[in-house]
C-alpha atoms as a PDB file:
ATOM      1  CA  UNK A   1     116.401 124.427  96.445  1.00  0.00           C
ATOM      2  CA  UNK A   2     116.377 120.874  96.783  1.00  0.00           C
ATOM      3  CA  UNK A   3     117.059 118.165  93.539  1.00  0.00           C
ATOM      4  CA  UNK A   4     113.714 116.268  93.507  1.00  0.00           C
ATOM      5  CA  UNK A   5     114.530 114.198  90.971  1.00  0.00           C
ATOM      6  CA  UNK A   6     116.459 111.663  92.296  1.00  0.00           C
ATOM      7  CA  UNK A   7     116.355 107.371  92.824  1.00  0.00           C
ATOM      8  CA  UNK A   8     113.515 104.931  94.269  1.00  0.00           C
ATOM      9  CA  UNK A   9     116.374 105.128  96.873  1.00  0.00           C
ATOM     10  CA  UNK A  10     116.215 107.999  98.035  1.00  0.00           C
ATOM     11  CA  UNK A  11     112.304 108.772  97.684  1.00  0.00           C
ATOM     12  CA  UNK A  12     112.103 104.897  99.521  1.00  0.00           C
ATOM     13  CA  UNK A  13     114.643 106.663 102.732  1.00  0.00           C
ATOM     14  CA  UNK A  14     113.966 110.628 102.239  1.00  0.00           C
ATOM     15  CA  UNK A  15     115.560 113.556 101.825  1.00  0.00           C
ATOM     16  CA  UNK A  16     115.888 117.179 102.047  1.00  0.00           C
ATOM     17  CA  UNK A  17     116.032 119.101 105.421  1.00  0.00           C
ATOM     18  CA  UNK A  18     112.147 119.964 107.011  1.00  0.00           C
ATOM     19  CA  UNK A  19     112.461 123.788 107.735  1.00  0.00           C
ATOM     20  CA  UNK A  20     113.040 123.937 103.778  1.00  0.00           C
ATOM     21  CA  UNK A  21     111.922 121.303 101.052  1.00  0.00           C
ATOM     22  CA  UNK A  22     111.730 118.310 102.191  1.00  0.00           C
ATOM     23  CA  UNK A  23     110.662 114.638 101.451  1.00  0.00           C
ATOM     24  CA  UNK A  24     109.867 112.252 104.360  1.00  0.00           C
ATOM     25  CA  UNK A  25     110.341 109.139 102.139  1.00  0.00           C
ATOM     26  CA  UNK A  26     107.906 106.299 100.857  1.00  0.00           C
ATOM     27  CA  UNK A  27     109.085 104.275 103.601  1.00  0.00           C
ATOM     28  CA  UNK A  28     107.998 106.014 106.811  1.00  0.00           C
ATOM     29  CA  UNK A  29     104.717 106.864 104.705  1.00  0.00           C
ATOM     30  CA  UNK A  30     103.950 102.973 104.317  1.00  0.00           C
ATOM     31  CA  UNK A  31     104.637 102.275 108.043  1.00  0.00           C
ATOM     32  CA  UNK A  32     102.725 105.487 109.684  1.00  0.00           C
ATOM     33  CA  UNK A  33      99.304 104.212 107.329  1.00  0.00           C
ATOM     34  CA  UNK A  34      99.879 100.719 107.768  1.00  0.00           C
ATOM     35  CA  UNK A  35      98.821 100.881 111.069  1.00  0.00           C
ATOM     36  CA  UNK A  36      96.217 103.365 111.584  1.00  0.00           C
ATOM     37  CA  UNK A  37      93.418 105.329 109.670  1.00  0.00           C
ATOM     38  CA  UNK A  38      94.811 108.056 109.259  1.00  0.00           C
ATOM     39  CA  UNK A  39      93.646 110.742 106.849  1.00  0.00           C
ATOM     40  CA  UNK A  40      95.685 113.254 103.927  1.00  0.00           C
ATOM     41  CA  UNK A  41      95.971 117.201 102.989  1.00  0.00           C
ATOM     42  CA  UNK A  42      97.580 118.764 100.523  1.00  0.00           C
ATOM     43  CA  UNK A  43      97.707 122.522 100.837  1.00  0.00           C
ATOM     44  CA  UNK A  44      99.824 124.198  97.985  1.00  0.00           C
ATOM     45  CA  UNK A  45     100.151 127.658  97.404  1.00  0.00           C
ATOM     46  CA  UNK A  46      99.561 129.146  92.924  1.00  0.00           C
ATOM     47  CA  UNK A  47     101.714 131.172  91.447  1.00  0.00           C
ATOM     48  CA  UNK A  48      99.201 134.320  91.799  1.00  0.00           C
ATOM     49  CA  UNK A  49      99.636 133.457  96.057  1.00  0.00           C
ATOM     50  CA  UNK A  50      95.713 131.785  95.897  1.00  0.00           C
ATOM     51  CA  UNK A  51      95.854 129.247  98.862  1.00  0.00           C
ATOM     52  CA  UNK A  52      94.497 125.963  98.006  1.00  0.00           C
ATOM     53  CA  UNK A  53      93.740 122.061  99.276  1.00  0.00           C
ATOM     54  CA  UNK A  54      92.570 118.735  98.773  1.00  0.00           C
ATOM     55  CA  UNK A  55      91.669 116.136 101.213  1.00  0.00           C
ATOM     56  CA  UNK A  56      91.366 112.165 100.816  1.00  0.00           C
ATOM     57  CA  UNK A  57      89.629 110.477 104.461  1.00  0.00           C
ATOM     58  CA  UNK A  58      91.541 107.376 103.581  1.00  0.00           C
ATOM     59  CA  UNK A  59      95.292 107.770 102.893  1.00  0.00           C
ATOM     60  CA  UNK A  60      98.211 104.826 103.084  1.00  0.00           C
ATOM     61  CA  UNK A  61     101.403 103.638 101.003  1.00  0.00           C
ATOM     62  CA  UNK A  62     102.032 100.486 100.732  1.00  0.00           C
ATOM     63  CA  UNK A  63     105.252  98.574 101.462  1.00  0.00           C
ATOM     64  CA  UNK A  64     108.371  98.776  98.795  1.00  0.00           C
ATOM     65  CA  UNK A  65     106.790  95.125  97.387  1.00  0.00           C
ATOM     66  CA  UNK A  66     104.389  96.313  96.197  1.00  0.00           C
ATOM     67  CA  UNK A  67     105.740  99.850  94.936  1.00  0.00           C
ATOM     68  CA  UNK A  68     105.033 101.991  97.369  1.00  0.00           C
ATOM     69  CA  UNK A  69     101.083 102.108  95.731  1.00  0.00           C
ATOM     70  CA  UNK A  70      99.903 105.552  96.471  1.00  0.00           C
ATOM     71  CA  UNK A  71      95.432 104.440  97.893  1.00  0.00           C
ATOM     72  CA  UNK A  72      92.900 107.431  98.099  1.00  0.00           C
ATOM     73  CA  UNK A  73      90.170 105.889  97.805  1.00  0.00           C
ATOM     74  CA  UNK A  74      90.582 104.862  94.513  1.00  0.00           C
ATOM     75  CA  UNK A  75      93.169 102.587  93.310  1.00  0.00           C
ATOM     76  CA  UNK A  76      96.187 104.797  91.503  1.00  0.00           C
ATOM     77  CA  UNK A  77      97.690 103.186  88.209  1.00  0.00           C
ATOM     78  CA  UNK A  78      99.204 105.445  86.049  1.00  0.00           C
ATOM     79  CA  UNK A  79      97.224 105.520  82.338  1.00  0.00           C
ATOM     80  CA  UNK A  80      99.670 107.297  80.386  1.00  0.00           C
ATOM     81  CA  UNK A  81     101.804 105.340  78.095  1.00  0.00           C
ATOM     82  CA  UNK A  82     105.467 107.377  78.268  1.00  0.00           C
ATOM     83  CA  UNK A  83     107.142 107.314  81.977  1.00  0.00           C
ATOM     84  CA  UNK A  84     105.788 110.360  83.749  1.00  0.00           C
ATOM     85  CA  UNK A  85     108.219 110.460  86.402  1.00  0.00           C
ATOM     86  CA  UNK A  86     111.434 110.602  83.679  1.00  0.00           C
ATOM     87  CA  UNK A  87     109.684 113.029  81.425  1.00  0.00           C
ATOM     88  CA  UNK A  88     108.571 115.317  84.037  1.00  0.00           C
ATOM     89  CA  UNK A  89     111.637 114.580  86.689  1.00  0.00           C
ATOM     90  CA  UNK A  90     110.232 113.863  89.838  1.00  0.00           C
ATOM     91  CA  UNK A  91     109.026 111.550  91.262  1.00  0.00           C
ATOM     92  CA  UNK A  92     105.144 110.814  92.117  1.00  0.00           C
ATOM     93  CA  UNK A  93     102.589 108.687  92.246  1.00  0.00           C
ATOM     94  CA  UNK A  94     101.140 109.199  88.334  1.00  0.00           C
ATOM     95  CA  UNK A  95      97.841 108.668  86.606  1.00  0.00           C
ATOM     96  CA  UNK A  96      98.100 110.485  83.542  1.00  0.00           C
ATOM     97  CA  UNK A  97     101.545 112.866  83.239  1.00  0.00           C
ATOM     98  CA  UNK A  98     101.085 116.292  84.722  1.00  0.00           C
ATOM     99  CA  UNK A  99      97.167 116.012  86.073  1.00  0.00           C
ATOM    100  CA  UNK A 100      99.805 116.054  89.672  1.00  0.00           C
ATOM    101  CA  UNK A 101     103.240 117.064  89.882  1.00  0.00           C
ATOM    102  CA  UNK A 102     103.659 118.560  93.269  1.00  0.00           C
ATOM    103  CA  UNK A 103     107.521 118.015  92.913  1.00  0.00           C
ATOM    104  CA  UNK A 104     108.765 118.189  89.595  1.00  0.00           C
ATOM    105  CA  UNK A 105     111.325 120.850  88.115  1.00  0.00           C
ATOM    106  CA  UNK A 106     110.011 124.045  88.869  1.00  0.00           C
ATOM    107  CA  UNK A 107     110.935 125.678  85.296  1.00  0.00           C
ATOM    108  CA  UNK A 108     108.833 122.099  83.318  1.00  0.00           C
ATOM    109  CA  UNK A 109     105.390 123.589  86.500  1.00  0.00           C
ATOM    110  CA  UNK A 110     104.228 121.802  89.585  1.00  0.00           C
ATOM    111  CA  UNK A 111     100.650 121.344  88.148  1.00  0.00           C
ATOM    112  CA  UNK A 112      97.356 120.319  90.059  1.00  0.00           C
ATOM    113  CA  UNK A 113      94.493 120.284  88.212  1.00  0.00           C
ATOM    114  CA  UNK A 114      90.887 121.037  90.111  1.00  0.00           C
ATOM    115  CA  UNK A 115      89.049 118.398  88.389  1.00  0.00           C
ATOM    116  CA  UNK A 116      85.517 120.440  89.883  1.00  0.00           C
ATOM    117  CA  UNK A 117      86.587 123.186  88.450  1.00  0.00           C
ATOM    118  CA  UNK A 118      87.949 122.103  85.612  1.00  0.00           C
ATOM    119  CA  UNK A 119      91.343 124.295  86.084  1.00  0.00           C
ATOM    120  CA  UNK A 120      95.121 123.874  86.120  1.00  0.00           C
ATOM    121  CA  UNK A 121      96.500 125.487  88.837  1.00  0.00           C
ATOM    122  CA  UNK A 122     100.200 126.530  88.360  1.00  0.00           C
ATOM    123  CA  UNK A 123     101.885 125.567  91.631  1.00  0.00           C
ATOM    124  CA  UNK A 124     104.572 127.393  93.876  1.00  0.00           C
ATOM    125  CA  UNK A 125     104.156 125.688  97.456  1.00  0.00           C
ATOM    126  CA  UNK A 126     103.232 122.284  98.160  1.00  0.00           C
ATOM    127  CA  UNK A 127     102.855 120.606 102.618  1.00  0.00           C
ATOM    128  CA  UNK A 128     101.431 117.179 102.737  1.00  0.00           C
ATOM    129  CA  UNK A 129     100.482 116.853 105.802  1.00  0.00           C
ATOM    130  CA  UNK A 130      99.339 112.790 107.511  1.00  0.00           C
ATOM    131  CA  UNK A 131      96.782 112.366 110.759  1.00  0.00           C
ATOM    132  CA  UNK A 132      95.197 109.780 112.320  1.00  0.00           C
ATOM    133  CA  UNK A 133      91.137 109.376 111.177  1.00  0.00           C
ATOM    134  CA  UNK A 134      88.985 109.899 113.902  1.00  0.00           C
ATOM    135  CA  UNK A 135      86.969 107.328 114.210  1.00  0.00           C
END
């Protein structure tokens, strides 16, 4: 099992194995999304084997100098007074702690909050997929 509670540099360069558990790297995400109109689809399965997905028409990751800021149409500023990544042991773009946590410690719970349904989803697995948007 790949450990996701890693350091900034690990998330910048990437880690894991593409055929199992893998993070491509924030620098690669920045380069892939900075010069093209990209979209994001996150597919995940809950602990009851039900499939879910979320799609975002706009997806960019800023440079290291800007903290690899995630942009999916809304700015993602961490509104929590605590250190979410440290508390929940995973690197993520937190807005409020644990509304989404797809790469934290399994025993602390990988989660997704489905706002339209006002429902918490206990995530068993997830994949993030990016592609060039059709103009």
